[in-house]
Amino acid sequence: MEELLELLSEVKEDVDFENEDALIDDGILNSFDILQIISALNEEYDISIPASEIIPENFNSAQALLEMVERLQED
């Protein structure tokens, strides 16, 4: 989780990713932020995030992102 939090803070410094759980619902992340996060996750974790996984539920919190990454690493 620490590695993911560091990656997220590099994308958007002013967000408390550790405690925030409505990143999309509250408008904290915009579409450009999401694209940057997807790119960073693809590179860092050597995964490919399919369009079907790009849904608000997977990007609302660091925990949700981590669960998505772990799920994609298993496939």
N, C-alpha and C. Protein backbone atom coordinates (compact mmCIF):
# COMPACT_ATOMS: atom_id res chain seq x y z
N MET A 1 0.82 -1.20 0.00
CA MET A 1 0.00 0.00 0.00
C MET A 1 0.86 1.26 0.00
N GLU A 2 1.98 1.24 0.74
CA GLU A 2 2.85 2.42 0.80
C GLU A 2 3.35 2.81 -0.58
N GLU A 3 3.73 1.81 -1.37
CA GLU A 3 4.22 2.05 -2.72
C GLU A 3 3.13 2.72 -3.57
N LEU A 4 1.91 2.24 -3.44
CA LEU A 4 0.78 2.80 -4.18
C LEU A 4 0.51 4.24 -3.73
N LEU A 5 0.52 4.48 -2.44
CA LEU A 5 0.28 5.83 -1.92
C LEU A 5 1.34 6.81 -2.43
N GLU A 6 2.57 6.36 -2.50
CA GLU A 6 3.65 7.21 -3.02
C GLU A 6 3.42 7.52 -4.49
N LEU A 7 3.04 6.52 -5.25
CA LEU A 7 2.76 6.71 -6.67
C LEU A 7 1.62 7.70 -6.86
N LEU A 8 0.55 7.55 -6.08
CA LEU A 8 -0.60 8.43 -6.19
C LEU A 8 -0.24 9.87 -5.82
N SER A 9 0.58 10.04 -4.79
CA SER A 9 0.96 11.40 -4.38
C SER A 9 1.84 12.06 -5.43
N GLU A 10 2.55 11.28 -6.23
CA GLU A 10 3.34 11.86 -7.32
C GLU A 10 2.43 12.38 -8.42
N VAL A 11 1.29 11.73 -8.60
CA VAL A 11 0.33 12.15 -9.62
C VAL A 11 -0.41 13.40 -9.16
N LYS A 12 -0.84 13.42 -7.90
CA LYS A 12 -1.61 14.56 -7.37
C LYS A 12 -1.21 14.77 -5.92
N GLU A 13 -0.32 15.71 -5.69
CA GLU A 13 0.31 15.92 -4.39
C GLU A 13 -0.64 16.36 -3.28
N ASP A 14 -1.64 17.14 -3.60
CA ASP A 14 -2.46 17.79 -2.58
C ASP A 14 -3.64 16.95 -2.09
N VAL A 15 -3.65 15.66 -2.38
CA VAL A 15 -4.76 14.79 -1.98
C VAL A 15 -4.30 13.82 -0.89
N ASP A 16 -5.14 13.65 0.12
CA ASP A 16 -4.85 12.69 1.19
C ASP A 16 -5.38 11.32 0.78
N PHE A 17 -4.61 10.64 -0.06
CA PHE A 17 -5.05 9.35 -0.60
C PHE A 17 -5.23 8.30 0.48
N GLU A 18 -4.51 8.44 1.58
CA GLU A 18 -4.59 7.44 2.64
C GLU A 18 -5.96 7.42 3.33
N ASN A 19 -6.60 8.58 3.42
CA ASN A 19 -7.85 8.68 4.17
C ASN A 19 -9.08 8.98 3.31
N GLU A 20 -8.88 9.43 2.10
CA GLU A 20 -10.00 9.80 1.23
C GLU A 20 -10.64 8.55 0.64
N ASP A 21 -11.97 8.49 0.66
CA ASP A 21 -12.65 7.32 0.11
C ASP A 21 -13.74 7.66 -0.90
N ALA A 22 -13.71 8.89 -1.39
CA ALA A 22 -14.68 9.31 -2.41
C ALA A 22 -13.98 10.21 -3.43
N LEU A 23 -12.85 9.74 -3.93
CA LEU A 23 -12.03 10.54 -4.84
C LEU A 23 -12.78 10.93 -6.11
N ILE A 24 -13.58 10.03 -6.63
CA ILE A 24 -14.36 10.31 -7.83
C ILE A 24 -15.67 10.98 -7.46
N ASP A 25 -16.37 10.40 -6.50
CA ASP A 25 -17.69 10.90 -6.11
C ASP A 25 -17.65 12.35 -5.65
N ASP A 26 -16.57 12.75 -4.99
CA ASP A 26 -16.45 14.12 -4.50
C ASP A 26 -15.74 15.05 -5.49
N GLY A 27 -15.40 14.54 -6.67
CA GLY A 27 -14.77 15.37 -7.70
C GLY A 27 -13.32 15.73 -7.40
N ILE A 28 -12.67 14.97 -6.54
CA ILE A 28 -11.27 15.24 -6.19
C ILE A 28 -10.36 14.89 -7.35
N LEU A 29 -10.68 13.81 -8.04
CA LEU A 29 -9.92 13.41 -9.23
C LEU A 29 -10.76 13.71 -10.47
N ASN A 30 -10.10 14.27 -11.49
CA ASN A 30 -10.78 14.49 -12.76
C ASN A 30 -10.29 13.46 -13.77
N SER A 31 -10.81 13.53 -14.97
CA SER A 31 -10.47 12.52 -15.98
C SER A 31 -8.99 12.53 -16.32
N PHE A 32 -8.36 13.69 -16.33
CA PHE A 32 -6.92 13.75 -16.61
C PHE A 32 -6.13 13.06 -15.50
N ASP A 33 -6.53 13.29 -14.25
CA ASP A 33 -5.88 12.61 -13.11
C ASP A 33 -6.00 11.09 -13.25
N ILE A 34 -7.17 10.63 -13.64
CA ILE A 34 -7.40 9.20 -13.78
C ILE A 34 -6.50 8.61 -14.86
N LEU A 35 -6.37 9.32 -15.98
CA LEU A 35 -5.48 8.85 -17.04
C LEU A 35 -4.04 8.77 -16.56
N GLN A 36 -3.61 9.76 -15.78
CA GLN A 36 -2.26 9.74 -15.23
C GLN A 36 -2.07 8.56 -14.28
N ILE A 37 -3.07 8.30 -13.45
CA ILE A 37 -3.00 7.18 -12.51
C ILE A 37 -2.94 5.86 -13.27
N ILE A 38 -3.78 5.72 -14.29
CA ILE A 38 -3.77 4.49 -15.09
C ILE A 38 -2.39 4.27 -15.70
N SER A 39 -1.83 5.30 -16.28
CA SER A 39 -0.51 5.20 -16.89
C SER A 39 0.55 4.80 -15.86
N ALA A 40 0.51 5.44 -14.71
CA ALA A 40 1.49 5.14 -13.65
C ALA A 40 1.33 3.71 -13.14
N LEU A 41 0.09 3.27 -12.96
CA LEU A 41 -0.16 1.89 -12.49
C LEU A 41 0.31 0.87 -13.52
N ASN A 42 0.01 1.14 -14.80
CA ASN A 42 0.45 0.23 -15.86
C ASN A 42 1.96 0.07 -15.85
N GLU A 43 2.65 1.18 -15.69
CA GLU A 43 4.11 1.16 -15.72
C GLU A 43 4.69 0.54 -14.45
N GLU A 44 4.22 0.96 -13.30
CA GLU A 44 4.77 0.52 -12.02
C GLU A 44 4.51 -0.96 -11.74
N TYR A 45 3.30 -1.41 -12.05
CA TYR A 45 2.92 -2.77 -11.69
C TYR A 45 2.90 -3.73 -12.89
N ASP A 46 3.30 -3.24 -14.05
CA ASP A 46 3.35 -4.06 -15.26
C ASP A 46 2.02 -4.76 -15.51
N ILE A 47 0.96 -3.96 -15.49
CA ILE A 47 -0.39 -4.47 -15.75
C ILE A 47 -1.00 -3.66 -16.89
N SER A 48 -2.09 -4.15 -17.41
CA SER A 48 -2.86 -3.43 -18.40
C SER A 48 -4.28 -3.31 -17.85
N ILE A 49 -4.73 -2.09 -17.68
CA ILE A 49 -6.06 -1.87 -17.11
C ILE A 49 -7.07 -1.77 -18.26
N PRO A 50 -7.94 -2.77 -18.39
CA PRO A 50 -8.93 -2.74 -19.47
C PRO A 50 -10.01 -1.69 -19.20
N ALA A 51 -10.67 -1.26 -20.26
CA ALA A 51 -11.72 -0.25 -20.14
C ALA A 51 -12.80 -0.68 -19.16
N SER A 52 -13.07 -1.96 -19.08
CA SER A 52 -14.12 -2.45 -18.18
C SER A 52 -13.80 -2.22 -16.70
N GLU A 53 -12.52 -2.00 -16.38
CA GLU A 53 -12.10 -1.74 -15.00
C GLU A 53 -12.07 -0.25 -14.67
N ILE A 54 -12.23 0.60 -15.69
CA ILE A 54 -12.16 2.04 -15.46
C ILE A 54 -13.56 2.54 -15.09
N ILE A 55 -13.90 2.26 -13.84
CA ILE A 55 -15.20 2.64 -13.28
C ILE A 55 -14.95 3.37 -11.96
N PRO A 56 -15.87 4.25 -11.57
CA PRO A 56 -15.66 5.04 -10.34
C PRO A 56 -15.33 4.20 -9.11
N GLU A 57 -15.97 3.05 -8.97
CA GLU A 57 -15.74 2.22 -7.79
C GLU A 57 -14.28 1.82 -7.63
N ASN A 58 -13.56 1.65 -8.73
CA ASN A 58 -12.15 1.24 -8.67
C ASN A 58 -11.20 2.40 -8.41
N PHE A 59 -11.70 3.64 -8.50
CA PHE A 59 -10.83 4.80 -8.36
C PHE A 59 -11.24 5.72 -7.21
N ASN A 60 -12.21 5.31 -6.41
CA ASN A 60 -12.69 6.15 -5.31
C ASN A 60 -11.75 6.20 -4.12
N SER A 61 -10.86 5.22 -3.99
CA SER A 61 -9.94 5.21 -2.85
C SER A 61 -8.67 4.45 -3.21
N ALA A 62 -7.64 4.67 -2.43
CA ALA A 62 -6.39 3.94 -2.63
C ALA A 62 -6.63 2.45 -2.41
N GLN A 63 -7.47 2.10 -1.45
CA GLN A 63 -7.77 0.69 -1.18
C GLN A 63 -8.42 0.04 -2.39
N ALA A 64 -9.38 0.74 -3.01
CA ALA A 64 -10.04 0.20 -4.20
C ALA A 64 -9.05 0.04 -5.34
N LEU A 65 -8.15 1.00 -5.49
CA LEU A 65 -7.12 0.90 -6.52
C LEU A 65 -6.20 -0.29 -6.27
N LEU A 66 -5.81 -0.47 -5.03
CA LEU A 66 -4.94 -1.59 -4.68
C LEU A 66 -5.62 -2.93 -4.98
N GLU A 67 -6.89 -3.04 -4.64
CA GLU A 67 -7.64 -4.27 -4.91
C GLU A 67 -7.71 -4.54 -6.41
N MET A 68 -7.91 -3.48 -7.21
CA MET A 68 -7.96 -3.65 -8.66
C MET A 68 -6.59 -4.11 -9.18
N VAL A 69 -5.52 -3.49 -8.72
CA VAL A 69 -4.17 -3.86 -9.15
C VAL A 69 -3.90 -5.33 -8.81
N GLU A 70 -4.21 -5.72 -7.60
CA GLU A 70 -3.98 -7.11 -7.18
C GLU A 70 -4.80 -8.09 -8.01
N ARG A 71 -6.03 -7.71 -8.32
CA ARG A 71 -6.89 -8.56 -9.15
C ARG A 71 -6.30 -8.72 -10.55
N LEU A 72 -5.81 -7.62 -11.11
CA LEU A 72 -5.24 -7.65 -12.47
C LEU A 72 -3.91 -8.38 -12.50
N GLN A 73 -3.16 -8.34 -11.42
CA GLN A 73 -1.89 -9.06 -11.37
C GLN A 73 -2.11 -10.56 -11.34
N GLU A 74 -3.24 -10.99 -10.81
CA GLU A 74 -3.56 -12.42 -10.74
C GLU A 74 -3.93 -12.98 -12.11
N ASP A 75 -4.52 -12.13 -12.96
CA ASP A 75 -4.97 -12.59 -14.28
C ASP A 75 -3.85 -12.86 -15.24
